[in-house]
Amino acid sequence: MLSSQAQEGPQDPSPRLRLPGRIHLGEVLRQSITRLKRRRSLRGARCSTAVGAGSSSRPLLDRCPVTASPDPTAETMTAQGHRKETIADRQRRVLDDVLQQIGRSGAEGVTHRSITRSTGIPLGSLTYYFNSRDAMLLAAFERWGVLAVRRLEEALSSRAGQELATVLGDYVEQELRVVPPAVVVRAELFAAALRDERFRRVAESFTFGVLAALRTRLGAEEALLCRSVLDGVLLHRSVDVEAVREVVRAVVGDLERSDTPR
């Protein structure tokens, strides 16, 4: 006949790990709650002691070890006092670099890895912002279109009293010299629009913006004709700048005689 010790099985050598034969779940929960209350009471006692030892004029949050939630609207500053780059800042930097690469070597050479090499932004972050190469190109073309329309609007509004042909001639000269080259980006956008519906919508949004800007000085039909002239002149980037002014003046000069928008 086996002894009682043999019947009970091998004994646990560590008393800390020895468990009772049956564990009541309610008892375990009560013990856990008791321990949690004891810890909270000890922490509150330490906080009260710190409050009593300090100056009564100090705010409570300054005297107790409580961490306040950060303000999501506040700017994040680096240790040197400079504003930390936000996600929006990074995305704009990526898109500007995409446009630079398009201007230098066309859209075919733009990849996630080429942007990572030139910007230093990790590849994982870049693919999180733009999950495909087309998404990155679409956003870059859209940004370029907004900035190009803005340049035209500023040129027309800042020189409202001058001859329209002169204003547009200077605008064309500026577009030929802007960095990244506007003529290259424009050509790449319209070439992509011929192949892909998504890029066509971006190109249409850009052309509508140009039309809206020209309508401030021309009627609807005249603005449409003038936009076509600007597109043709800018795409023929080998034309001399002075010759560009003459072309614009010859076509737009007659249009401006009926410059009341209709």
C-alpha atoms as a PDB file:
ATOM      1  CA  MET A   1       0.000   0.000   0.000  1.00  0.00           C
ATOM      2  CA  LEU A   2       1.358   3.387  -1.026  1.00  0.00           C
ATOM      3  CA  SER A   3       2.065   6.029   1.573  1.00  0.00           C
ATOM      4  CA  SER A   4       0.028   9.212   1.683  1.00  0.00           C
ATOM      5  CA  GLN A   5       3.010  11.197   0.315  1.00  0.00           C
ATOM      6  CA  ALA A   6       3.276   8.852  -2.688  1.00  0.00           C
ATOM      7  CA  GLN A   7      -0.446   9.137  -3.296  1.00  0.00           C
ATOM      8  CA  GLU A   8      -0.314  12.918  -3.311  1.00  0.00           C
ATOM      9  CA  GLY A   9       2.429  12.901  -5.975  1.00  0.00           C
ATOM     10  CA  PRO A  10       5.746  14.802  -6.075  1.00  0.00           C
ATOM     11  CA  GLN A  11       5.949  17.849  -3.864  1.00  0.00           C
ATOM     12  CA  ASP A  12       6.662  21.323  -5.311  1.00  0.00           C
ATOM     13  CA  PRO A  13      10.108  22.378  -3.996  1.00  0.00           C
ATOM     14  CA  SER A  14       9.203  26.099  -4.294  1.00  0.00           C
ATOM     15  CA  PRO A  15       6.645  27.257  -1.698  1.00  0.00           C
ATOM     16  CA  ARG A  16       5.894  30.393  -3.803  1.00  0.00           C
ATOM     17  CA  LEU A  17       4.678  28.239  -6.690  1.00  0.00           C
ATOM     18  CA  ARG A  18       2.572  25.856  -4.524  1.00  0.00           C
ATOM     19  CA  LEU A  19      -1.121  26.212  -5.384  1.00  0.00           C
ATOM     20  CA  PRO A  20      -4.125  24.875  -3.495  1.00  0.00           C
ATOM     21  CA  GLY A  21      -5.950  21.937  -4.853  1.00  0.00           C
ATOM     22  CA  ARG A  22      -8.986  24.053  -5.838  1.00  0.00           C
ATOM     23  CA  ILE A  23      -8.917  27.761  -6.702  1.00  0.00           C
ATOM     24  CA  HIS A  24     -12.046  29.815  -6.259  1.00  0.00           C
ATOM     25  CA  LEU A  25     -12.186  32.542  -8.955  1.00  0.00           C
ATOM     26  CA  GLY A  26     -14.082  34.958  -6.747  1.00  0.00           C
ATOM     27  CA  GLU A  27     -11.435  34.744  -4.050  1.00  0.00           C
ATOM     28  CA  VAL A  28      -8.663  35.462  -6.581  1.00  0.00           C
ATOM     29  CA  LEU A  29     -10.518  38.542  -7.834  1.00  0.00           C
ATOM     30  CA  ARG A  30     -11.107  39.815  -4.296  1.00  0.00           C
ATOM     31  CA  GLN A  31      -7.423  39.447  -3.484  1.00  0.00           C
ATOM     32  CA  SER A  32      -6.429  41.295  -6.665  1.00  0.00           C
ATOM     33  CA  ILE A  33      -8.827  44.156  -5.912  1.00  0.00           C
ATOM     34  CA  THR A  34      -7.524  44.375  -2.341  1.00  0.00           C
ATOM     35  CA  ARG A  35      -3.930  44.634  -3.537  1.00  0.00           C
ATOM     36  CA  LEU A  36      -4.887  47.310  -6.102  1.00  0.00           C
ATOM     37  CA  LYS A  37      -6.691  49.385  -3.448  1.00  0.00           C
ATOM     38  CA  ARG A  38      -3.682  49.102  -1.138  1.00  0.00           C
ATOM     39  CA  ARG A  39      -1.341  50.367  -3.861  1.00  0.00           C
ATOM     40  CA  ARG A  40      -3.629  53.301  -4.656  1.00  0.00           C
ATOM     41  CA  SER A  41      -3.896  54.280  -1.003  1.00  0.00           C
ATOM     42  CA  LEU A  42      -0.105  54.220  -0.634  1.00  0.00           C
ATOM     43  CA  ARG A  43       0.289  56.351  -3.755  1.00  0.00           C
ATOM     44  CA  GLY A  44      -2.288  58.845  -2.488  1.00  0.00           C
ATOM     45  CA  ALA A  45      -0.470  59.051   0.855  1.00  0.00           C
ATOM     46  CA  ARG A  46       2.818  59.877  -0.920  1.00  0.00           C
ATOM     47  CA  CYS A  47       1.097  62.536  -3.025  1.00  0.00           C
ATOM     48  CA  SER A  48      -0.502  64.103   0.070  1.00  0.00           C
ATOM     49  CA  THR A  49       2.893  64.200   1.791  1.00  0.00           C
ATOM     50  CA  ALA A  50       4.401  65.984  -1.215  1.00  0.00           C
ATOM     51  CA  VAL A  51       1.549  68.499  -1.234  1.00  0.00           C
ATOM     52  CA  GLY A  52       1.995  69.247   2.451  1.00  0.00           C
ATOM     53  CA  ALA A  53       5.748  69.715   2.108  1.00  0.00           C
ATOM     54  CA  GLY A  54       5.467  72.084  -0.869  1.00  0.00           C
ATOM     55  CA  SER A  55       4.088  75.574  -1.236  1.00  0.00           C
ATOM     56  CA  SER A  56       0.321  75.802  -1.150  1.00  0.00           C
ATOM     57  CA  SER A  57       0.417  78.265  -4.068  1.00  0.00           C
ATOM     58  CA  ARG A  58       1.781  75.671  -6.495  1.00  0.00           C
ATOM     59  CA  PRO A  59      -0.761  73.963  -8.757  1.00  0.00           C
ATOM     60  CA  LEU A  60      -1.719  70.439  -7.813  1.00  0.00           C
ATOM     61  CA  LEU A  61      -0.549  69.019 -11.173  1.00  0.00           C
ATOM     62  CA  ASP A  62       2.919  70.474 -10.490  1.00  0.00           C
ATOM     63  CA  ARG A  63       3.136  68.771  -7.087  1.00  0.00           C
ATOM     64  CA  CYS A  64       1.757  65.319  -7.960  1.00  0.00           C
ATOM     65  CA  PRO A  65       3.323  62.849 -10.391  1.00  0.00           C
ATOM     66  CA  VAL A  66       0.533  63.152 -12.981  1.00  0.00           C
ATOM     67  CA  THR A  67       1.295  63.299 -16.708  1.00  0.00           C
ATOM     68  CA  ALA A  68      -1.045  65.569 -18.644  1.00  0.00           C
ATOM     69  CA  SER A  69      -2.264  64.517 -22.105  1.00  0.00           C
ATOM     70  CA  PRO A  70      -0.435  66.311 -24.944  1.00  0.00           C
ATOM     71  CA  ASP A  71      -2.271  68.961 -26.937  1.00  0.00           C
ATOM     72  CA  PRO A  72      -2.725  67.549 -30.462  1.00  0.00           C
ATOM     73  CA  THR A  73      -2.923  71.073 -31.922  1.00  0.00           C
ATOM     74  CA  ALA A  74       0.355  72.219 -30.381  1.00  0.00           C
ATOM     75  CA  GLU A  75       3.465  72.265 -32.566  1.00  0.00           C
ATOM     76  CA  THR A  76       6.085  69.666 -31.713  1.00  0.00           C
ATOM     77  CA  MET A  77       9.467  71.250 -31.078  1.00  0.00           C
ATOM     78  CA  THR A  78      12.870  69.630 -31.186  1.00  0.00           C
ATOM     79  CA  ALA A  79      15.470  70.013 -28.442  1.00  0.00           C
ATOM     80  CA  GLN A  80      17.106  72.760 -30.508  1.00  0.00           C
ATOM     81  CA  GLY A  81      13.872  74.810 -30.570  1.00  0.00           C
ATOM     82  CA  HIS A  82      13.043  74.121 -34.229  1.00  0.00           C
ATOM     83  CA  ARG A  83       9.598  72.988 -35.342  1.00  0.00           C
ATOM     84  CA  LYS A  84       9.538  69.237 -35.850  1.00  0.00           C
ATOM     85  CA  GLU A  85       8.615  68.022 -39.330  1.00  0.00           C
ATOM     86  CA  THR A  86       4.991  66.878 -39.452  1.00  0.00           C
ATOM     87  CA  ILE A  87       3.496  64.196 -41.672  1.00  0.00           C
ATOM     88  CA  ALA A  88       2.054  66.918 -43.931  1.00  0.00           C
ATOM     89  CA  ASP A  89       5.508  68.497 -44.210  1.00  0.00           C
ATOM     90  CA  ARG A  90       6.996  65.146 -45.190  1.00  0.00           C
ATOM     91  CA  GLN A  91       4.333  64.534 -47.795  1.00  0.00           C
ATOM     92  CA  ARG A  92       4.898  67.956 -49.367  1.00  0.00           C
ATOM     93  CA  ARG A  93       8.643  67.302 -49.398  1.00  0.00           C
ATOM     94  CA  VAL A  94       8.060  63.970 -51.110  1.00  0.00           C
ATOM     95  CA  LEU A  95       5.791  65.502 -53.762  1.00  0.00           C
ATOM     96  CA  ASP A  96       8.217  68.348 -54.455  1.00  0.00           C
ATOM     97  CA  ASP A  97      10.995  65.811 -54.913  1.00  0.00           C
ATOM     98  CA  VAL A  98       8.802  63.777 -57.264  1.00  0.00           C
ATOM     99  CA  LEU A  99       8.261  66.895 -59.386  1.00  0.00           C
ATOM    100  CA  GLN A 100      11.991  67.583 -59.374  1.00  0.00           C
ATOM    101  CA  GLN A 101      12.682  64.074 -60.653  1.00  0.00           C
ATOM    102  CA  ILE A 102       9.970  64.384 -63.312  1.00  0.00           C
ATOM    103  CA  GLY A 103      11.508  67.645 -64.467  1.00  0.00           C
ATOM    104  CA  ARG A 104      14.974  66.079 -64.708  1.00  0.00           C
ATOM    105  CA  SER A 105      14.273  62.665 -66.219  1.00  0.00           C
ATOM    106  CA  GLY A 106      10.540  62.193 -66.706  1.00  0.00           C
ATOM    107  CA  ALA A 107       7.919  60.277 -64.767  1.00  0.00           C
ATOM    108  CA  GLU A 108       9.221  56.826 -65.739  1.00  0.00           C
ATOM    109  CA  GLY A 109      12.233  57.151 -63.458  1.00  0.00           C
ATOM    110  CA  VAL A 110      10.199  57.978 -60.354  1.00  0.00           C
ATOM    111  CA  THR A 111       9.975  55.103 -57.855  1.00  0.00           C
ATOM    112  CA  HIS A 112       9.581  54.741 -54.119  1.00  0.00           C
ATOM    113  CA  ARG A 113      13.249  53.814 -53.807  1.00  0.00           C
ATOM    114  CA  SER A 114      14.469  56.798 -55.848  1.00  0.00           C
ATOM    115  CA  ILE A 115      12.467  59.162 -53.632  1.00  0.00           C
ATOM    116  CA  THR A 116      13.798  57.419 -50.513  1.00  0.00           C
ATOM    117  CA  ARG A 117      17.364  57.892 -51.719  1.00  0.00           C
ATOM    118  CA  SER A 118      16.921  61.593 -52.459  1.00  0.00           C
ATOM    119  CA  THR A 119      14.805  62.586 -49.434  1.00  0.00           C
ATOM    120  CA  GLY A 120      16.148  60.233 -46.755  1.00  0.00           C
ATOM    121  CA  ILE A 121      12.600  59.278 -45.763  1.00  0.00           C
ATOM    122  CA  PRO A 122      12.405  55.545 -44.852  1.00  0.00           C
ATOM    123  CA  LEU A 123      10.831  53.325 -47.479  1.00  0.00           C
ATOM    124  CA  GLY A 124       8.259  52.037 -44.979  1.00  0.00           C
ATOM    125  CA  SER A 125       7.056  55.555 -44.188  1.00  0.00           C
ATOM    126  CA  LEU A 126       6.952  56.479 -47.870  1.00  0.00           C
ATOM    127  CA  THR A 127       4.814  53.476 -48.817  1.00  0.00           C
ATOM    128  CA  TYR A 128       2.535  54.303 -45.867  1.00  0.00           C
ATOM    129  CA  TYR A 129       1.971  57.840 -47.224  1.00  0.00           C
ATOM    130  CA  PHE A 130       1.602  56.678 -50.848  1.00  0.00           C
ATOM    131  CA  ASN A 131       0.847  52.969 -51.195  1.00  0.00           C
ATOM    132  CA  SER A 132       1.652  52.860 -54.909  1.00  0.00           C
ATOM    133  CA  ARG A 133       3.812  54.652 -57.455  1.00  0.00           C
ATOM    134  CA  ASP A 134       0.719  55.918 -59.305  1.00  0.00           C
ATOM    135  CA  ALA A 135      -0.731  57.360 -56.093  1.00  0.00           C
ATOM    136  CA  MET A 136       2.500  59.283 -55.564  1.00  0.00           C
ATOM    137  CA  LEU A 137       2.533  60.580 -59.160  1.00  0.00           C
ATOM    138  CA  LEU A 138      -1.147  61.574 -59.028  1.00  0.00           C
ATOM    139  CA  ALA A 139      -0.625  63.576 -55.846  1.00  0.00           C
ATOM    140  CA  ALA A 140       2.488  65.235 -57.301  1.00  0.00           C
ATOM    141  CA  PHE A 141       0.734  66.238 -60.538  1.00  0.00           C
ATOM    142  CA  GLU A 142      -2.222  67.558 -58.557  1.00  0.00           C
ATOM    143  CA  ARG A 143       0.097  69.666 -56.405  1.00  0.00           C
ATOM    144  CA  TRP A 144       1.878  70.989 -59.495  1.00  0.00           C
ATOM    145  CA  GLY A 145      -1.451  71.954 -61.110  1.00  0.00           C
ATOM    146  CA  VAL A 146      -2.584  73.883 -58.035  1.00  0.00           C
ATOM    147  CA  LEU A 147       0.705  75.802 -57.871  1.00  0.00           C
ATOM    148  CA  ALA A 148       0.723  76.522 -61.623  1.00  0.00           C
ATOM    149  CA  VAL A 149      -2.824  77.926 -61.544  1.00  0.00           C
ATOM    150  CA  ARG A 150      -1.896  79.988 -58.500  1.00  0.00           C
ATOM    151  CA  ARG A 151       1.041  81.527 -60.391  1.00  0.00           C
ATOM    152  CA  LEU A 152      -1.279  82.473 -63.269  1.00  0.00           C
ATOM    153  CA  GLU A 153      -3.864  83.973 -60.906  1.00  0.00           C
ATOM    154  CA  GLU A 154      -1.180  86.044 -59.166  1.00  0.00           C
ATOM    155  CA  ALA A 155       0.191  87.267 -62.493  1.00  0.00           C
ATOM    156  CA  LEU A 156      -3.262  88.377 -63.674  1.00  0.00           C
ATOM    157  CA  SER A 157      -4.340  89.974 -60.391  1.00  0.00           C
ATOM    158  CA  SER A 158      -1.078  91.802 -59.669  1.00  0.00           C
ATOM    159  CA  ARG A 159      -0.984  93.383 -63.145  1.00  0.00           C
ATOM    160  CA  ALA A 160      -4.666  93.994 -63.784  1.00  0.00           C
ATOM    161  CA  GLY A 161      -4.053  97.341 -65.510  1.00  0.00           C
ATOM    162  CA  GLN A 162      -1.481  96.076 -68.002  1.00  0.00           C
ATOM    163  CA  GLU A 163      -1.967  94.673 -71.492  1.00  0.00           C
ATOM    164  CA  LEU A 164      -3.077  91.048 -71.280  1.00  0.00           C
ATOM    165  CA  ALA A 165      -0.648  89.939 -74.000  1.00  0.00           C
ATOM    166  CA  THR A 166       2.281  91.383 -72.052  1.00  0.00           C
ATOM    167  CA  VAL A 167       1.144  89.778 -68.803  1.00  0.00           C
ATOM    168  CA  LEU A 168       0.689  86.356 -70.410  1.00  0.00           C
ATOM    169  CA  GLY A 169       3.972  86.662 -72.287  1.00  0.00           C
ATOM    170  CA  ASP A 170       5.782  87.263 -69.014  1.00  0.00           C
ATOM    171  CA  TYR A 171       3.863  84.387 -67.450  1.00  0.00           C
ATOM    172  CA  VAL A 172       5.011  82.046 -70.226  1.00  0.00           C
ATOM    173  CA  GLU A 173       8.600  83.204 -69.730  1.00  0.00           C
ATOM    174  CA  GLN A 174       8.312  82.499 -66.003  1.00  0.00           C
ATOM    175  CA  GLU A 175       6.878  79.027 -66.655  1.00  0.00           C
ATOM    176  CA  LEU A 176       9.738  78.226 -69.016  1.00  0.00           C
ATOM    177  CA  ARG A 177      12.246  79.046 -66.289  1.00  0.00           C
ATOM    178  CA  VAL A 178      10.484  77.714 -63.201  1.00  0.00           C
ATOM    179  CA  VAL A 179      12.012  74.766 -61.348  1.00  0.00           C
ATOM    180  CA  PRO A 180      10.986  72.008 -61.836  1.00  0.00           C
ATOM    181  CA  PRO A 181      10.537  72.795 -65.559  1.00  0.00           C
ATOM    182  CA  ALA A 182       6.834  73.400 -65.970  1.00  0.00           C
ATOM    183  CA  VAL A 183       6.871  72.380 -69.623  1.00  0.00           C
ATOM    184  CA  VAL A 184       8.269  68.930 -68.778  1.00  0.00           C
ATOM    185  CA  VAL A 185       5.783  68.317 -65.967  1.00  0.00           C
ATOM    186  CA  ARG A 186       2.921  69.571 -68.154  1.00  0.00           C
ATOM    187  CA  ALA A 187       3.925  67.286 -71.026  1.00  0.00           C
ATOM    188  CA  GLU A 188       4.245  64.288 -68.703  1.00  0.00           C
ATOM    189  CA  LEU A 189       0.826  64.975 -67.178  1.00  0.00           C
ATOM    190  CA  PHE A 190      -0.963  65.229 -70.514  1.00  0.00           C
ATOM    191  CA  ALA A 191       0.866  62.164 -71.844  1.00  0.00           C
ATOM    192  CA  ALA A 192      -0.256  60.168 -68.801  1.00  0.00           C
ATOM    193  CA  ALA A 193      -3.790  61.566 -69.209  1.00  0.00           C
ATOM    194  CA  LEU A 194      -3.981  59.977 -72.666  1.00  0.00           C
ATOM    195  CA  ARG A 195      -3.382  56.536 -71.151  1.00  0.00           C
ATOM    196  CA  ASP A 196      -5.062  56.652 -67.750  1.00  0.00           C
ATOM    197  CA  GLU A 197      -8.450  58.009 -66.672  1.00  0.00           C
ATOM    198  CA  ARG A 198      -7.125  58.976 -63.240  1.00  0.00           C
ATOM    199  CA  PHE A 199      -4.473  61.244 -64.707  1.00  0.00           C
ATOM    200  CA  ARG A 200      -7.008  62.667 -67.151  1.00  0.00           C
ATOM    201  CA  ARG A 201      -9.123  63.889 -64.239  1.00  0.00           C
ATOM    202  CA  VAL A 202      -6.084  65.647 -62.754  1.00  0.00           C
ATOM    203  CA  ALA A 203      -5.318  67.261 -66.137  1.00  0.00           C
ATOM    204  CA  GLU A 204      -8.949  68.408 -66.475  1.00  0.00           C
ATOM    205  CA  SER A 205      -8.875  69.952 -63.008  1.00  0.00           C
ATOM    206  CA  PHE A 206      -5.736  71.868 -64.000  1.00  0.00           C
ATOM    207  CA  THR A 207      -7.203  73.125 -67.291  1.00  0.00           C
ATOM    208  CA  PHE A 208     -10.418  74.204 -65.575  1.00  0.00           C
ATOM    209  CA  GLY A 209      -8.338  76.205 -63.118  1.00  0.00           C
ATOM    210  CA  VAL A 210      -6.511  77.939 -65.986  1.00  0.00           C
ATOM    211  CA  LEU A 211      -9.841  78.736 -67.666  1.00  0.00           C
ATOM    212  CA  ALA A 212     -11.265  80.187 -64.452  1.00  0.00           C
ATOM    213  CA  ALA A 213      -8.222  82.455 -64.094  1.00  0.00           C
ATOM    214  CA  LEU A 214      -8.441  83.644 -67.715  1.00  0.00           C
ATOM    215  CA  ARG A 215     -12.168  84.337 -67.365  1.00  0.00           C
ATOM    216  CA  THR A 216     -11.304  87.266 -65.095  1.00  0.00           C
ATOM    217  CA  ARG A 217     -10.043  89.082 -68.231  1.00  0.00           C
ATOM    218  CA  LEU A 218     -11.757  87.312 -71.146  1.00  0.00           C
ATOM    219  CA  GLY A 219     -15.073  85.852 -72.161  1.00  0.00           C
ATOM    220  CA  ALA A 220     -15.713  82.118 -72.109  1.00  0.00           C
ATOM    221  CA  GLU A 221     -14.853  81.412 -75.778  1.00  0.00           C
ATOM    222  CA  GLU A 222     -11.869  83.758 -75.768  1.00  0.00           C
ATOM    223  CA  ALA A 223     -10.545  82.195 -72.550  1.00  0.00           C
ATOM    224  CA  LEU A 224     -10.798  78.717 -74.115  1.00  0.00           C
ATOM    225  CA  LEU A 225      -8.867  79.841 -77.191  1.00  0.00           C
ATOM    226  CA  CYS A 226      -6.267  81.635 -75.079  1.00  0.00           C
ATOM    227  CA  ARG A 227      -5.736  78.541 -72.921  1.00  0.00           C
ATOM    228  CA  SER A 228      -5.141  76.452 -76.042  1.00  0.00           C
ATOM    229  CA  VAL A 229      -2.558  78.991 -77.231  1.00  0.00           C
ATOM    230  CA  LEU A 230      -0.766  78.930 -73.868  1.00  0.00           C
ATOM    231  CA  ASP A 231      -0.702  75.116 -73.879  1.00  0.00           C
ATOM    232  CA  GLY A 232       0.743  75.029 -77.391  1.00  0.00           C
ATOM    233  CA  VAL A 233       3.337  77.688 -76.709  1.00  0.00           C
ATOM    234  CA  LEU A 234       4.486  76.061 -73.475  1.00  0.00           C
ATOM    235  CA  LEU A 235       4.722  72.623 -75.041  1.00  0.00           C
ATOM    236  CA  HIS A 236       6.889  74.039 -77.844  1.00  0.00           C
ATOM    237  CA  ARG A 237       9.577  74.967 -75.356  1.00  0.00           C
ATOM    238  CA  SER A 238      12.213  75.477 -78.079  1.00  0.00           C
ATOM    239  CA  VAL A 239      10.505  78.712 -79.149  1.00  0.00           C
ATOM    240  CA  ASP A 240      12.472  81.839 -78.264  1.00  0.00           C
ATOM    241  CA  VAL A 241      11.033  83.772 -75.319  1.00  0.00           C
ATOM    242  CA  GLU A 242      10.728  86.981 -77.307  1.00  0.00           C
ATOM    243  CA  ALA A 243       8.971  85.090 -80.077  1.00  0.00           C
ATOM    244  CA  VAL A 244       6.626  83.664 -77.449  1.00  0.00           C
ATOM    245  CA  ARG A 245       5.563  87.189 -76.482  1.00  0.00           C
ATOM    246  CA  GLU A 246       4.869  88.018 -80.119  1.00  0.00           C
ATOM    247  CA  VAL A 247       2.784  84.894 -80.587  1.00  0.00           C
ATOM    248  CA  VAL A 248       0.757  85.583 -77.471  1.00  0.00           C
ATOM    249  CA  ARG A 249       0.360  89.250 -78.387  1.00  0.00           C
ATOM    250  CA  ALA A 250      -0.789  88.394 -81.917  1.00  0.00           C
ATOM    251  CA  VAL A 251      -3.422  85.930 -80.705  1.00  0.00           C
ATOM    252  CA  VAL A 252      -4.518  87.537 -77.452  1.00  0.00           C
ATOM    253  CA  GLY A 253      -4.400  91.153 -78.611  1.00  0.00           C
ATOM    254  CA  ASP A 254      -7.619  90.865 -80.563  1.00  0.00           C
ATOM    255  CA  LEU A 255      -9.269  88.791 -77.872  1.00  0.00           C
ATOM    256  CA  GLU A 256      -8.797  91.441 -75.192  1.00  0.00           C
ATOM    257  CA  ARG A 257     -10.908  93.941 -77.125  1.00  0.00           C
ATOM    258  CA  SER A 258     -13.908  91.995 -75.861  1.00  0.00           C
ATOM    259  CA  ASP A 259     -12.517  91.457 -72.394  1.00  0.00           C
ATOM    260  CA  THR A 260     -15.840  91.619 -70.563  1.00  0.00           C
ATOM    261  CA  PRO A 261     -16.578  88.128 -69.197  1.00  0.00           C
ATOM    262  CA  ARG A 262     -19.754  86.608 -70.633  1.00  0.00           C
END
